[in-house]
Each structure stands twice: as C-alpha cells, then as structure tokens.
Amino acid sequence: MIRTIITPEKQDVSLHIPEDYVGKQIEVLLYAVDELSQQNDQTKTKPAGFRGTLNLTADQYEDFQTHLKDIRNEWDRDI
C-alpha cells in the first residue's frame, strides 16, 4: 500500500504505478485533507447528546429497565 499527501501546484497530477500493481485493481482517492477533518468534527457525537432521545412513556421506561435487568442477569458471571 502506498499513501502520500501532496499539494498540487496545478490541476493535473501524474501518478507512477509500481510494477507489482500493474494489472491489479487499485483504488485512487482524492479529497482535501481539511474537508475530511471538517466532516469528522461534525460526525462526533458525545454520549450525553443522546440523552432523552427515546422519549419513552413511564410504562415503556419501566419495561425497558426490566428488560435491561433481565438480560444483564443472563450473563451470570462472577468477576
């Protein structure tokens, strides 16, 4: 695998393909590094950001908690 970061000085970029890659399928990706970091910043959500998203009624909440307790008890292991 070959990975490199370049700063092009014009619109055209020439690639030299290594001999052992000739005849094989290769993947070429083109993206601006700053665009990728902006995209990653937007997709990071902290766990606290999910607080209250289920919007459960009191009965649904109790059923959910009971289910959680039941499946946790199934683990039945001593740590």
N, C-alpha and C. Protein backbone atom coordinates (compact mmCIF):
# COMPACT_ATOMS: atom_id res chain seq x y z
N MET A 1 0.85 -1.17 0.00
CA MET A 1 0.00 0.00 0.00
C MET A 1 0.89 1.24 0.00
N ILE A 2 0.50 2.19 -0.78
CA ILE A 2 1.23 3.45 -0.85
C ILE A 2 0.26 4.56 -0.48
N ARG A 3 0.67 5.39 0.46
CA ARG A 3 -0.16 6.52 0.85
C ARG A 3 0.74 7.74 0.97
N THR A 4 0.31 8.81 0.36
CA THR A 4 1.08 10.04 0.43
C THR A 4 0.15 11.23 0.35
N ILE A 5 0.59 12.33 0.87
CA ILE A 5 -0.17 13.58 0.80
C ILE A 5 0.63 14.55 -0.04
N ILE A 6 -0.02 15.16 -1.02
CA ILE A 6 0.66 16.12 -1.89
C ILE A 6 -0.10 17.44 -1.89
N THR A 7 0.56 18.48 -2.30
CA THR A 7 -0.08 19.77 -2.52
C THR A 7 0.13 20.11 -3.99
N PRO A 8 -0.89 19.89 -4.82
CA PRO A 8 -0.72 20.12 -6.26
C PRO A 8 -0.54 21.61 -6.55
N GLU A 9 0.28 21.88 -7.57
CA GLU A 9 0.52 23.26 -7.98
C GLU A 9 -0.29 23.62 -9.22
N LYS A 10 -0.96 22.61 -9.80
CA LYS A 10 -1.83 22.83 -10.95
C LYS A 10 -2.92 21.76 -10.92
N GLN A 11 -3.84 21.78 -11.88
CA GLN A 11 -4.97 20.84 -11.85
C GLN A 11 -4.57 19.41 -12.22
N ASP A 12 -3.54 19.22 -12.97
CA ASP A 12 -3.15 17.89 -13.42
C ASP A 12 -2.09 17.29 -12.50
N VAL A 13 -2.30 16.01 -12.14
CA VAL A 13 -1.34 15.27 -11.33
C VAL A 13 -1.06 13.97 -12.05
N SER A 14 0.21 13.59 -12.15
CA SER A 14 0.61 12.36 -12.81
C SER A 14 0.97 11.33 -11.75
N LEU A 15 0.50 10.09 -11.92
CA LEU A 15 0.79 9.02 -10.98
C LEU A 15 1.72 8.00 -11.61
N HIS A 16 2.71 7.56 -10.87
CA HIS A 16 3.57 6.47 -11.30
C HIS A 16 3.10 5.22 -10.56
N ILE A 17 2.64 4.23 -11.30
CA ILE A 17 2.12 2.99 -10.72
C ILE A 17 3.27 2.00 -10.59
N PRO A 18 3.51 1.45 -9.38
CA PRO A 18 4.58 0.46 -9.21
C PRO A 18 4.34 -0.78 -10.08
N GLU A 19 5.40 -1.41 -10.49
CA GLU A 19 5.35 -2.57 -11.39
C GLU A 19 4.42 -3.67 -10.85
N ASP A 20 4.48 -3.94 -9.55
CA ASP A 20 3.67 -5.03 -9.00
C ASP A 20 2.18 -4.67 -8.89
N TYR A 21 1.81 -3.43 -9.14
CA TYR A 21 0.40 -3.03 -9.16
C TYR A 21 -0.20 -3.09 -10.56
N VAL A 22 0.62 -3.21 -11.56
CA VAL A 22 0.14 -3.25 -12.95
C VAL A 22 -0.71 -4.51 -13.14
N GLY A 23 -1.90 -4.33 -13.69
CA GLY A 23 -2.81 -5.45 -13.93
C GLY A 23 -3.72 -5.75 -12.76
N LYS A 24 -3.55 -5.04 -11.66
CA LYS A 24 -4.41 -5.24 -10.50
C LYS A 24 -5.37 -4.07 -10.39
N GLN A 25 -6.51 -4.33 -9.73
CA GLN A 25 -7.43 -3.24 -9.43
C GLN A 25 -6.82 -2.40 -8.33
N ILE A 26 -6.81 -1.09 -8.51
CA ILE A 26 -6.32 -0.20 -7.47
C ILE A 26 -7.39 0.85 -7.18
N GLU A 27 -7.35 1.42 -6.01
CA GLU A 27 -8.30 2.45 -5.62
C GLU A 27 -7.54 3.75 -5.47
N VAL A 28 -8.06 4.79 -6.09
CA VAL A 28 -7.46 6.11 -6.01
C VAL A 28 -8.49 7.04 -5.36
N LEU A 29 -8.10 7.66 -4.25
CA LEU A 29 -8.98 8.58 -3.54
C LEU A 29 -8.44 9.98 -3.70
N LEU A 30 -9.34 10.95 -3.85
CA LEU A 30 -8.95 12.34 -3.96
C LEU A 30 -9.87 13.17 -3.08
N TYR A 31 -9.30 13.78 -2.05
CA TYR A 31 -10.07 14.64 -1.17
C TYR A 31 -9.11 15.64 -0.54
N ALA A 32 -9.64 16.76 -0.17
CA ALA A 32 -8.85 17.77 0.53
C ALA A 32 -8.81 17.40 2.01
N VAL A 33 -7.64 17.37 2.60
CA VAL A 33 -7.47 16.95 3.98
C VAL A 33 -8.30 17.81 4.93
N ASP A 34 -8.37 19.11 4.68
CA ASP A 34 -9.16 19.97 5.57
C ASP A 34 -10.65 19.67 5.48
N GLU A 35 -11.14 19.23 4.32
CA GLU A 35 -12.55 18.85 4.19
C GLU A 35 -12.83 17.60 5.01
N LEU A 36 -11.89 16.68 5.03
CA LEU A 36 -12.07 15.45 5.79
C LEU A 36 -12.11 15.74 7.28
N SER A 37 -11.25 16.63 7.77
CA SER A 37 -11.26 16.94 9.20
C SER A 37 -12.54 17.67 9.59
N GLN A 38 -13.08 18.52 8.71
CA GLN A 38 -14.35 19.19 8.99
C GLN A 38 -15.48 18.18 9.07
N GLN A 39 -15.47 17.20 8.19
CA GLN A 39 -16.51 16.17 8.18
C GLN A 39 -16.43 15.33 9.45
N ASN A 40 -15.23 14.97 9.89
CA ASN A 40 -15.08 14.18 11.11
C ASN A 40 -15.54 14.95 12.34
N ASP A 41 -15.31 16.25 12.39
CA ASP A 41 -15.75 17.07 13.51
C ASP A 41 -17.26 17.08 13.63
N GLN A 42 -17.96 17.08 12.50
CA GLN A 42 -19.41 17.13 12.50
C GLN A 42 -20.03 15.82 12.93
N THR A 43 -19.37 14.69 12.67
CA THR A 43 -19.96 13.39 12.96
C THR A 43 -19.70 12.91 14.38
N LYS A 44 -18.83 13.59 15.14
CA LYS A 44 -18.55 13.17 16.51
C LYS A 44 -19.68 13.62 17.42
N THR A 45 -20.34 12.65 18.04
CA THR A 45 -21.41 12.94 18.99
C THR A 45 -21.05 12.32 20.32
N LYS A 46 -21.14 13.10 21.35
CA LYS A 46 -20.83 12.60 22.69
C LYS A 46 -22.04 11.81 23.19
N PRO A 47 -21.79 10.82 24.04
CA PRO A 47 -22.91 10.02 24.56
C PRO A 47 -24.00 10.87 25.23
N ALA A 48 -23.62 11.94 25.87
CA ALA A 48 -24.61 12.80 26.52
C ALA A 48 -25.57 13.42 25.50
N GLY A 49 -25.15 13.49 24.26
CA GLY A 49 -26.00 14.04 23.22
C GLY A 49 -27.21 13.18 22.90
N PHE A 50 -27.18 11.92 23.34
CA PHE A 50 -28.30 11.02 23.10
C PHE A 50 -29.32 11.02 24.24
N ARG A 51 -29.04 11.74 25.30
CA ARG A 51 -29.92 11.77 26.47
C ARG A 51 -31.31 12.26 26.07
N GLY A 52 -32.33 11.46 26.39
CA GLY A 52 -33.70 11.86 26.14
C GLY A 52 -34.20 11.58 24.74
N THR A 53 -33.42 10.92 23.90
CA THR A 53 -33.85 10.73 22.51
C THR A 53 -34.89 9.62 22.36
N LEU A 54 -35.03 8.73 23.34
CA LEU A 54 -36.02 7.66 23.22
C LEU A 54 -37.44 8.18 23.46
N ASN A 55 -37.59 9.20 24.27
CA ASN A 55 -38.90 9.77 24.57
C ASN A 55 -39.91 8.70 24.98
N LEU A 56 -39.56 7.91 25.98
CA LEU A 56 -40.41 6.82 26.44
C LEU A 56 -41.45 7.31 27.44
N THR A 57 -42.60 6.65 27.40
CA THR A 57 -43.60 6.91 28.44
C THR A 57 -43.12 6.22 29.71
N ALA A 58 -43.78 6.48 30.83
CA ALA A 58 -43.38 5.87 32.10
C ALA A 58 -43.46 4.34 32.02
N ASP A 59 -44.52 3.81 31.40
CA ASP A 59 -44.67 2.35 31.27
C ASP A 59 -43.59 1.77 30.37
N GLN A 60 -43.32 2.44 29.26
CA GLN A 60 -42.27 1.97 28.35
C GLN A 60 -40.91 1.98 29.04
N TYR A 61 -40.67 3.02 29.84
CA TYR A 61 -39.40 3.13 30.56
C TYR A 61 -39.25 1.97 31.54
N GLU A 62 -40.29 1.66 32.28
CA GLU A 62 -40.24 0.55 33.23
C GLU A 62 -40.01 -0.78 32.52
N ASP A 63 -40.70 -1.01 31.39
CA ASP A 63 -40.50 -2.23 30.61
C ASP A 63 -39.05 -2.32 30.11
N PHE A 64 -38.54 -1.20 29.67
CA PHE A 64 -37.17 -1.15 29.16
C PHE A 64 -36.17 -1.48 30.27
N GLN A 65 -36.35 -0.88 31.43
CA GLN A 65 -35.46 -1.13 32.56
C GLN A 65 -35.54 -2.60 33.01
N THR A 66 -36.73 -3.15 33.02
CA THR A 66 -36.90 -4.56 33.38
C THR A 66 -36.18 -5.45 32.38
N HIS A 67 -36.33 -5.14 31.12
CA HIS A 67 -35.65 -5.92 30.08
C HIS A 67 -34.13 -5.84 30.25
N LEU A 68 -33.61 -4.65 30.52
CA LEU A 68 -32.17 -4.49 30.73
C LEU A 68 -31.68 -5.33 31.92
N LYS A 69 -32.43 -5.29 33.02
CA LYS A 69 -32.06 -6.09 34.19
C LYS A 69 -32.06 -7.57 33.86
N ASP A 70 -33.08 -8.02 33.11
CA ASP A 70 -33.18 -9.44 32.74
C ASP A 70 -31.99 -9.89 31.89
N ILE A 71 -31.65 -9.10 30.89
CA ILE A 71 -30.56 -9.54 30.01
C ILE A 71 -29.21 -9.44 30.72
N ARG A 72 -29.08 -8.50 31.64
CA ARG A 72 -27.83 -8.42 32.42
C ARG A 72 -27.71 -9.62 33.37
N ASN A 73 -28.81 -10.04 33.93
CA ASN A 73 -28.79 -11.21 34.81
C ASN A 73 -28.47 -12.50 34.05
N GLU A 74 -28.72 -12.53 32.76
CA GLU A 74 -28.40 -13.70 31.95
C GLU A 74 -26.89 -13.92 31.84
N TRP A 75 -26.14 -12.87 32.02
CA TRP A 75 -24.67 -13.02 31.92
C TRP A 75 -24.18 -13.97 32.99
N ASP A 76 -24.72 -13.83 34.21
CA ASP A 76 -24.44 -14.75 35.33
C ASP A 76 -22.97 -15.14 35.40
N ARG A 77 -22.13 -14.19 35.59
CA ARG A 77 -20.71 -14.49 35.71
C ARG A 77 -20.13 -13.71 36.87
N ASP A 78 -19.19 -14.33 37.54
CA ASP A 78 -18.52 -13.68 38.66
C ASP A 78 -17.24 -13.03 38.16
N ILE A 79 -17.16 -11.75 38.45
CA ILE A 79 -15.95 -11.02 38.03
C ILE A 79 -15.20 -10.57 39.26
